[in-house]
Every structure is written in C-alpha cells, then in structure tokens.
Amino acid sequence: MKRKHPRKRPPERLGAVLGEVFARLGVEATLSRHRIAALWPEIVQQSVARHAQVEGVAGSVLHVRVDSAVWMNELSALKITLLEKVNAKLHPDAAPFTDIRFFQRSWAAQRESPVPARTPEPPLPPPTEEDLALVQDTLQPISDEELRKILSRILEKDRRLRHRREDKPQR
C-alpha cells in the first residue's frame, strides 16, 4: 500500500517566485527597460524585427541596428510612435526612453557599436549587515539551496550597486 505524503503547498513556478523577489527588492522597473530587447519583435512586428534589432540601452536611449539606409529612414520617420510603444511596455515606475537611435551595420565591414563605452566604475562597497539580513529574509521561502545561492549573489550585488548610486555625488 502506497502512502501519500501531503504537500504543505503546491510547487511554485520559478518566474512567479522571481517576480515576487524582484518586486520586494524594487528592481522590476530597471529590469523592464532591459526586457525591451526581447519585446522588440512584438512592438514593431516580426517582419520589421527581421531588419531592425535592439543593440543596447545607454541611459535613456535605445540603440537599434538596421539592415540598410532604407530601414533607417523608414524607422526614423516612425520614431515618435515607436517611442510611445516602447515606453508603454515599461513598468510604470521605469524611467521612459527619450530617444531611439538607429544605425546601419553592414555585414561586410563590422564596425564598433555606437553604444558609448562606459568608464570603469570603482569597485563595489561590501554588503552591509543590514543588506545581508534583508537578502536572507527575502530568500527564506526558497527551499532549493542552489537557487538560493544564485539569487543571493544577484540580490547582494543589487544592494551594493544601490549603495554606490546613493553615495555618488549629484552632478
């Protein structure tokens, strides 16, 4: 006779757990800006996405690589509409994009990306005891030890980045 073990609660999908963790940490707005690259084909339709791909995000500018000058002209004419569609896909608390820059990259002569290179940042400050306690408290419901370790590294780094941004002098 098989014995059934009652489950304390049904298993949760990883996406749902991560969504809750990111919401508690307040990073979902930042993540939504970087998710635009994955949503691009939906925003511009698949037929356009074959000729124009998101290359990167720099500040409030979305950089899009196009196949030809024709596509650059067509999409430049639609820039305002595209900006509205892109910003509509962002989390409500995310900073909106203010510009889309289109550039052509030929397959024959690969040039450097127009996304500006960033100056190296100073090393991150070590996490505070308060940060470590917050991370452990946030991850407490997750039973998978390997997932806890991965998420712990991510969350600790996010807290350290947040401290560095807060400590930076305003220009």
C-alpha atoms as a PDB file:
ATOM      1  CA  MET A   1       0.000   0.000   0.000  1.00  0.00           C
ATOM      2  CA  LYS A   2       1.426   3.344  -1.074  1.00  0.00           C
ATOM      3  CA  ARG A   3       1.466   6.062   1.428  1.00  0.00           C
ATOM      4  CA  LYS A   4       0.714   9.549   0.196  1.00  0.00           C
ATOM      5  CA  HIS A   5       2.615  12.430   1.671  1.00  0.00           C
ATOM      6  CA  PRO A   6       0.521  15.558   1.897  1.00  0.00           C
ATOM      7  CA  ARG A   7       2.199  18.591   0.385  1.00  0.00           C
ATOM      8  CA  LYS A   8       2.401  21.640   2.510  1.00  0.00           C
ATOM      9  CA  ARG A   9       1.770  23.799  -0.551  1.00  0.00           C
ATOM     10  CA  PRO A  10       1.806  23.302  -4.298  1.00  0.00           C
ATOM     11  CA  PRO A  11       5.074  23.949  -6.143  1.00  0.00           C
ATOM     12  CA  GLU A  12       5.503  27.459  -7.475  1.00  0.00           C
ATOM     13  CA  ARG A  13       6.770  28.459 -10.899  1.00  0.00           C
ATOM     14  CA  LEU A  14      10.249  29.985 -10.838  1.00  0.00           C
ATOM     15  CA  GLY A  15       9.035  33.025 -12.796  1.00  0.00           C
ATOM     16  CA  ALA A  16       6.421  33.765 -10.154  1.00  0.00           C
ATOM     17  CA  VAL A  17       8.928  33.430  -7.308  1.00  0.00           C
ATOM     18  CA  LEU A  18      11.473  35.648  -9.065  1.00  0.00           C
ATOM     19  CA  GLY A  19       8.757  38.193  -9.853  1.00  0.00           C
ATOM     20  CA  GLU A  20       7.907  38.427  -6.161  1.00  0.00           C
ATOM     21  CA  VAL A  21      11.572  38.704  -5.168  1.00  0.00           C
ATOM     22  CA  PHE A  22      12.254  41.429  -7.742  1.00  0.00           C
ATOM     23  CA  ALA A  23       9.117  43.311  -6.650  1.00  0.00           C
ATOM     24  CA  ARG A  24      10.205  43.215  -2.990  1.00  0.00           C
ATOM     25  CA  LEU A  25      13.653  44.494  -3.933  1.00  0.00           C
ATOM     26  CA  GLY A  26      12.266  47.207  -6.186  1.00  0.00           C
ATOM     27  CA  VAL A  27      14.299  46.196  -9.266  1.00  0.00           C
ATOM     28  CA  GLU A  28      11.436  45.290 -11.611  1.00  0.00           C
ATOM     29  CA  ALA A  29      11.366  48.798 -13.134  1.00  0.00           C
ATOM     30  CA  THR A  30      15.049  48.542 -14.052  1.00  0.00           C
ATOM     31  CA  LEU A  31      14.601  45.042 -15.455  1.00  0.00           C
ATOM     32  CA  SER A  32      11.685  46.144 -17.636  1.00  0.00           C
ATOM     33  CA  ARG A  33      13.992  48.559 -19.526  1.00  0.00           C
ATOM     34  CA  HIS A  34      16.303  45.697 -20.451  1.00  0.00           C
ATOM     35  CA  ARG A  35      13.412  43.392 -21.357  1.00  0.00           C
ATOM     36  CA  ILE A  36      12.566  45.729 -24.257  1.00  0.00           C
ATOM     37  CA  ALA A  37      15.059  43.867 -26.469  1.00  0.00           C
ATOM     38  CA  ALA A  38      13.051  40.665 -26.031  1.00  0.00           C
ATOM     39  CA  LEU A  39       9.755  42.510 -26.604  1.00  0.00           C
ATOM     40  CA  TRP A  40      11.022  44.377 -29.700  1.00  0.00           C
ATOM     41  CA  PRO A  41       9.549  41.885 -32.254  1.00  0.00           C
ATOM     42  CA  GLU A  42       6.153  42.258 -30.576  1.00  0.00           C
ATOM     43  CA  ILE A  43       6.432  46.068 -30.549  1.00  0.00           C
ATOM     44  CA  VAL A  44       7.428  46.510 -34.214  1.00  0.00           C
ATOM     45  CA  GLN A  45       6.011  43.248 -35.636  1.00  0.00           C
ATOM     46  CA  GLN A  46       8.094  40.289 -36.740  1.00  0.00           C
ATOM     47  CA  SER A  47       8.504  41.488 -40.353  1.00  0.00           C
ATOM     48  CA  VAL A  48      10.198  44.701 -39.183  1.00  0.00           C
ATOM     49  CA  ALA A  49      12.187  42.950 -36.426  1.00  0.00           C
ATOM     50  CA  ARG A  50      13.960  40.870 -39.084  1.00  0.00           C
ATOM     51  CA  HIS A  51      15.545  44.116 -40.329  1.00  0.00           C
ATOM     52  CA  ALA A  52      15.932  46.067 -37.075  1.00  0.00           C
ATOM     53  CA  GLN A  53      17.220  44.655 -33.777  1.00  0.00           C
ATOM     54  CA  VAL A  54      17.808  46.295 -30.415  1.00  0.00           C
ATOM     55  CA  GLU A  55      21.559  46.509 -29.905  1.00  0.00           C
ATOM     56  CA  GLY A  56      21.631  48.079 -26.468  1.00  0.00           C
ATOM     57  CA  VAL A  57      20.414  50.579 -23.908  1.00  0.00           C
ATOM     58  CA  ALA A  58      22.519  53.558 -22.848  1.00  0.00           C
ATOM     59  CA  GLY A  59      20.871  55.850 -20.345  1.00  0.00           C
ATOM     60  CA  SER A  60      17.513  56.872 -21.792  1.00  0.00           C
ATOM     61  CA  VAL A  61      18.473  55.949 -25.381  1.00  0.00           C
ATOM     62  CA  LEU A  62      17.547  52.723 -27.140  1.00  0.00           C
ATOM     63  CA  HIS A  63      20.081  51.770 -29.846  1.00  0.00           C
ATOM     64  CA  VAL A  64      18.690  49.825 -32.804  1.00  0.00           C
ATOM     65  CA  ARG A  65      20.758  48.250 -35.586  1.00  0.00           C
ATOM     66  CA  VAL A  66      19.107  48.230 -39.021  1.00  0.00           C
ATOM     67  CA  ASP A  67      19.935  46.340 -42.215  1.00  0.00           C
ATOM     68  CA  SER A  68      20.004  49.292 -44.592  1.00  0.00           C
ATOM     69  CA  ALA A  69      19.610  53.035 -45.055  1.00  0.00           C
ATOM     70  CA  VAL A  70      16.070  52.410 -46.299  1.00  0.00           C
ATOM     71  CA  TRP A  71      15.106  50.798 -42.999  1.00  0.00           C
ATOM     72  CA  MET A  72      16.861  53.571 -41.072  1.00  0.00           C
ATOM     73  CA  ASN A  73      14.802  56.218 -42.932  1.00  0.00           C
ATOM     74  CA  GLU A  74      11.524  54.338 -42.510  1.00  0.00           C
ATOM     75  CA  LEU A  75      12.005  53.721 -38.801  1.00  0.00           C
ATOM     76  CA  SER A  76      13.329  57.234 -38.168  1.00  0.00           C
ATOM     77  CA  ALA A  77      10.071  58.566 -39.606  1.00  0.00           C
ATOM     78  CA  LEU A  78       8.203  56.399 -37.071  1.00  0.00           C
ATOM     79  CA  LYS A  79      10.449  57.257 -34.119  1.00  0.00           C
ATOM     80  CA  ILE A  80       7.788  59.075 -32.055  1.00  0.00           C
ATOM     81  CA  THR A  81       5.287  56.239 -32.498  1.00  0.00           C
ATOM     82  CA  LEU A  82       7.937  53.629 -31.695  1.00  0.00           C
ATOM     83  CA  LEU A  83       8.988  55.526 -28.558  1.00  0.00           C
ATOM     84  CA  GLU A  84       5.375  55.576 -27.378  1.00  0.00           C
ATOM     85  CA  LYS A  85       5.005  51.830 -27.984  1.00  0.00           C
ATOM     86  CA  VAL A  86       8.319  51.025 -26.274  1.00  0.00           C
ATOM     87  CA  ASN A  87       7.524  53.185 -23.239  1.00  0.00           C
ATOM     88  CA  ALA A  88       4.051  51.625 -22.993  1.00  0.00           C
ATOM     89  CA  LYS A  89       5.734  48.230 -22.417  1.00  0.00           C
ATOM     90  CA  LEU A  90       7.828  49.512 -19.497  1.00  0.00           C
ATOM     91  CA  HIS A  91       6.991  49.025 -15.842  1.00  0.00           C
ATOM     92  CA  PRO A  92       5.038  52.084 -14.561  1.00  0.00           C
ATOM     93  CA  ASP A  93       7.960  53.093 -12.302  1.00  0.00           C
ATOM     94  CA  ALA A  94      10.634  52.710 -15.013  1.00  0.00           C
ATOM     95  CA  ALA A  95      12.273  55.789 -16.480  1.00  0.00           C
ATOM     96  CA  PRO A  96      10.982  56.199 -20.044  1.00  0.00           C
ATOM     97  CA  PHE A  97      13.205  56.145 -23.096  1.00  0.00           C
ATOM     98  CA  THR A  98      13.631  59.609 -24.600  1.00  0.00           C
ATOM     99  CA  ASP A  99      15.237  58.640 -27.896  1.00  0.00           C
ATOM    100  CA  ILE A 100      15.792  55.773 -30.292  1.00  0.00           C
ATOM    101  CA  ARG A 101      18.975  55.904 -32.347  1.00  0.00           C
ATOM    102  CA  PHE A 102      19.114  53.855 -35.492  1.00  0.00           C
ATOM    103  CA  PHE A 103      22.409  52.868 -37.080  1.00  0.00           C
ATOM    104  CA  GLN A 104      23.357  50.715 -40.006  1.00  0.00           C
ATOM    105  CA  ARG A 105      25.864  47.927 -39.692  1.00  0.00           C
ATOM    106  CA  SER A 106      26.935  46.252 -42.884  1.00  0.00           C
ATOM    107  CA  TRP A 107      27.812  42.570 -42.747  1.00  0.00           C
ATOM    108  CA  ALA A 108      30.946  43.169 -44.815  1.00  0.00           C
ATOM    109  CA  ALA A 109      32.530  45.728 -42.504  1.00  0.00           C
ATOM    110  CA  GLN A 110      31.634  45.173 -38.872  1.00  0.00           C
ATOM    111  CA  ARG A 111      32.268  48.419 -37.032  1.00  0.00           C
ATOM    112  CA  GLU A 112      32.191  49.145 -33.355  1.00  0.00           C
ATOM    113  CA  SER A 113      28.772  49.608 -31.812  1.00  0.00           C
ATOM    114  CA  PRO A 114      27.595  53.218 -31.458  1.00  0.00           C
ATOM    115  CA  VAL A 115      26.604  52.481 -27.878  1.00  0.00           C
ATOM    116  CA  PRO A 116      29.072  54.639 -25.951  1.00  0.00           C
ATOM    117  CA  ALA A 117      31.678  52.814 -23.899  1.00  0.00           C
ATOM    118  CA  ARG A 118      31.323  53.364 -20.190  1.00  0.00           C
ATOM    119  CA  THR A 119      34.144  54.485 -17.992  1.00  0.00           C
ATOM    120  CA  PRO A 120      35.144  51.809 -15.482  1.00  0.00           C
ATOM    121  CA  GLU A 121      33.313  52.124 -12.192  1.00  0.00           C
ATOM    122  CA  PRO A 122      35.126  51.920  -8.857  1.00  0.00           C
ATOM    123  CA  PRO A 123      34.810  48.598  -7.011  1.00  0.00           C
ATOM    124  CA  LEU A 124      31.535  47.968  -5.242  1.00  0.00           C
ATOM    125  CA  PRO A 125      31.376  48.542  -1.497  1.00  0.00           C
ATOM    126  CA  PRO A 126      30.986  45.375   0.595  1.00  0.00           C
ATOM    127  CA  PRO A 127      27.407  44.479   1.579  1.00  0.00           C
ATOM    128  CA  THR A 128      26.264  45.773   4.942  1.00  0.00           C
ATOM    129  CA  GLU A 129      24.945  43.504   7.691  1.00  0.00           C
ATOM    130  CA  GLU A 130      21.509  45.019   7.044  1.00  0.00           C
ATOM    131  CA  ASP A 131      21.782  44.095   3.344  1.00  0.00           C
ATOM    132  CA  LEU A 132      22.773  40.514   4.145  1.00  0.00           C
ATOM    133  CA  ALA A 133      19.888  40.169   6.604  1.00  0.00           C
ATOM    134  CA  LEU A 134      17.422  41.573   4.034  1.00  0.00           C
ATOM    135  CA  VAL A 135      18.659  39.162   1.362  1.00  0.00           C
ATOM    136  CA  GLN A 136      18.425  36.158   3.697  1.00  0.00           C
ATOM    137  CA  ASP A 137      14.942  37.212   4.814  1.00  0.00           C
ATOM    138  CA  THR A 138      13.830  37.606   1.187  1.00  0.00           C
ATOM    139  CA  LEU A 139      15.171  34.190   0.186  1.00  0.00           C
ATOM    140  CA  GLN A 140      13.847  32.365   3.247  1.00  0.00           C
ATOM    141  CA  PRO A 141      10.807  30.840   1.423  1.00  0.00           C
ATOM    142  CA  ILE A 142      13.001  29.284  -1.305  1.00  0.00           C
ATOM    143  CA  SER A 143      13.951  25.719  -0.399  1.00  0.00           C
ATOM    144  CA  ASP A 144      16.269  24.905  -3.341  1.00  0.00           C
ATOM    145  CA  GLU A 145      19.774  25.587  -1.975  1.00  0.00           C
ATOM    146  CA  GLU A 146      21.420  26.119  -5.376  1.00  0.00           C
ATOM    147  CA  LEU A 147      18.759  28.626  -6.409  1.00  0.00           C
ATOM    148  CA  ARG A 148      19.126  30.394  -3.054  1.00  0.00           C
ATOM    149  CA  LYS A 149      22.894  30.785  -3.627  1.00  0.00           C
ATOM    150  CA  ILE A 150      22.404  32.199  -7.132  1.00  0.00           C
ATOM    151  CA  LEU A 151      19.685  34.607  -6.060  1.00  0.00           C
ATOM    152  CA  SER A 152      21.714  35.609  -3.022  1.00  0.00           C
ATOM    153  CA  ARG A 153      24.643  36.693  -5.230  1.00  0.00           C
ATOM    154  CA  ILE A 154      22.278  38.640  -7.503  1.00  0.00           C
ATOM    155  CA  LEU A 155      20.467  40.369  -4.651  1.00  0.00           C
ATOM    156  CA  GLU A 156      23.659  41.207  -2.742  1.00  0.00           C
ATOM    157  CA  LYS A 157      25.167  42.769  -5.862  1.00  0.00           C
ATOM    158  CA  ASP A 158      21.969  44.763  -6.446  1.00  0.00           C
ATOM    159  CA  ARG A 159      22.131  46.125  -2.891  1.00  0.00           C
ATOM    160  CA  ARG A 160      25.808  47.043  -3.345  1.00  0.00           C
ATOM    161  CA  LEU A 161      25.050  48.803  -6.653  1.00  0.00           C
ATOM    162  CA  ARG A 162      22.222  50.681  -4.977  1.00  0.00           C
ATOM    163  CA  HIS A 163      24.586  51.886  -2.231  1.00  0.00           C
ATOM    164  CA  ARG A 164      27.108  53.060  -4.818  1.00  0.00           C
ATOM    165  CA  ARG A 165      24.389  55.016  -6.699  1.00  0.00           C
ATOM    166  CA  GLU A 166      23.174  56.588  -3.452  1.00  0.00           C
ATOM    167  CA  ASP A 167      26.724  57.542  -2.412  1.00  0.00           C
ATOM    168  CA  LYS A 168      27.579  59.134  -5.779  1.00  0.00           C
ATOM    169  CA  PRO A 169      27.674  62.924  -5.684  1.00  0.00           C
ATOM    170  CA  GLN A 170      24.916  64.545  -7.738  1.00  0.00           C
ATOM    171  CA  ARG A 171      26.098  66.470 -10.816  1.00  0.00           C
END
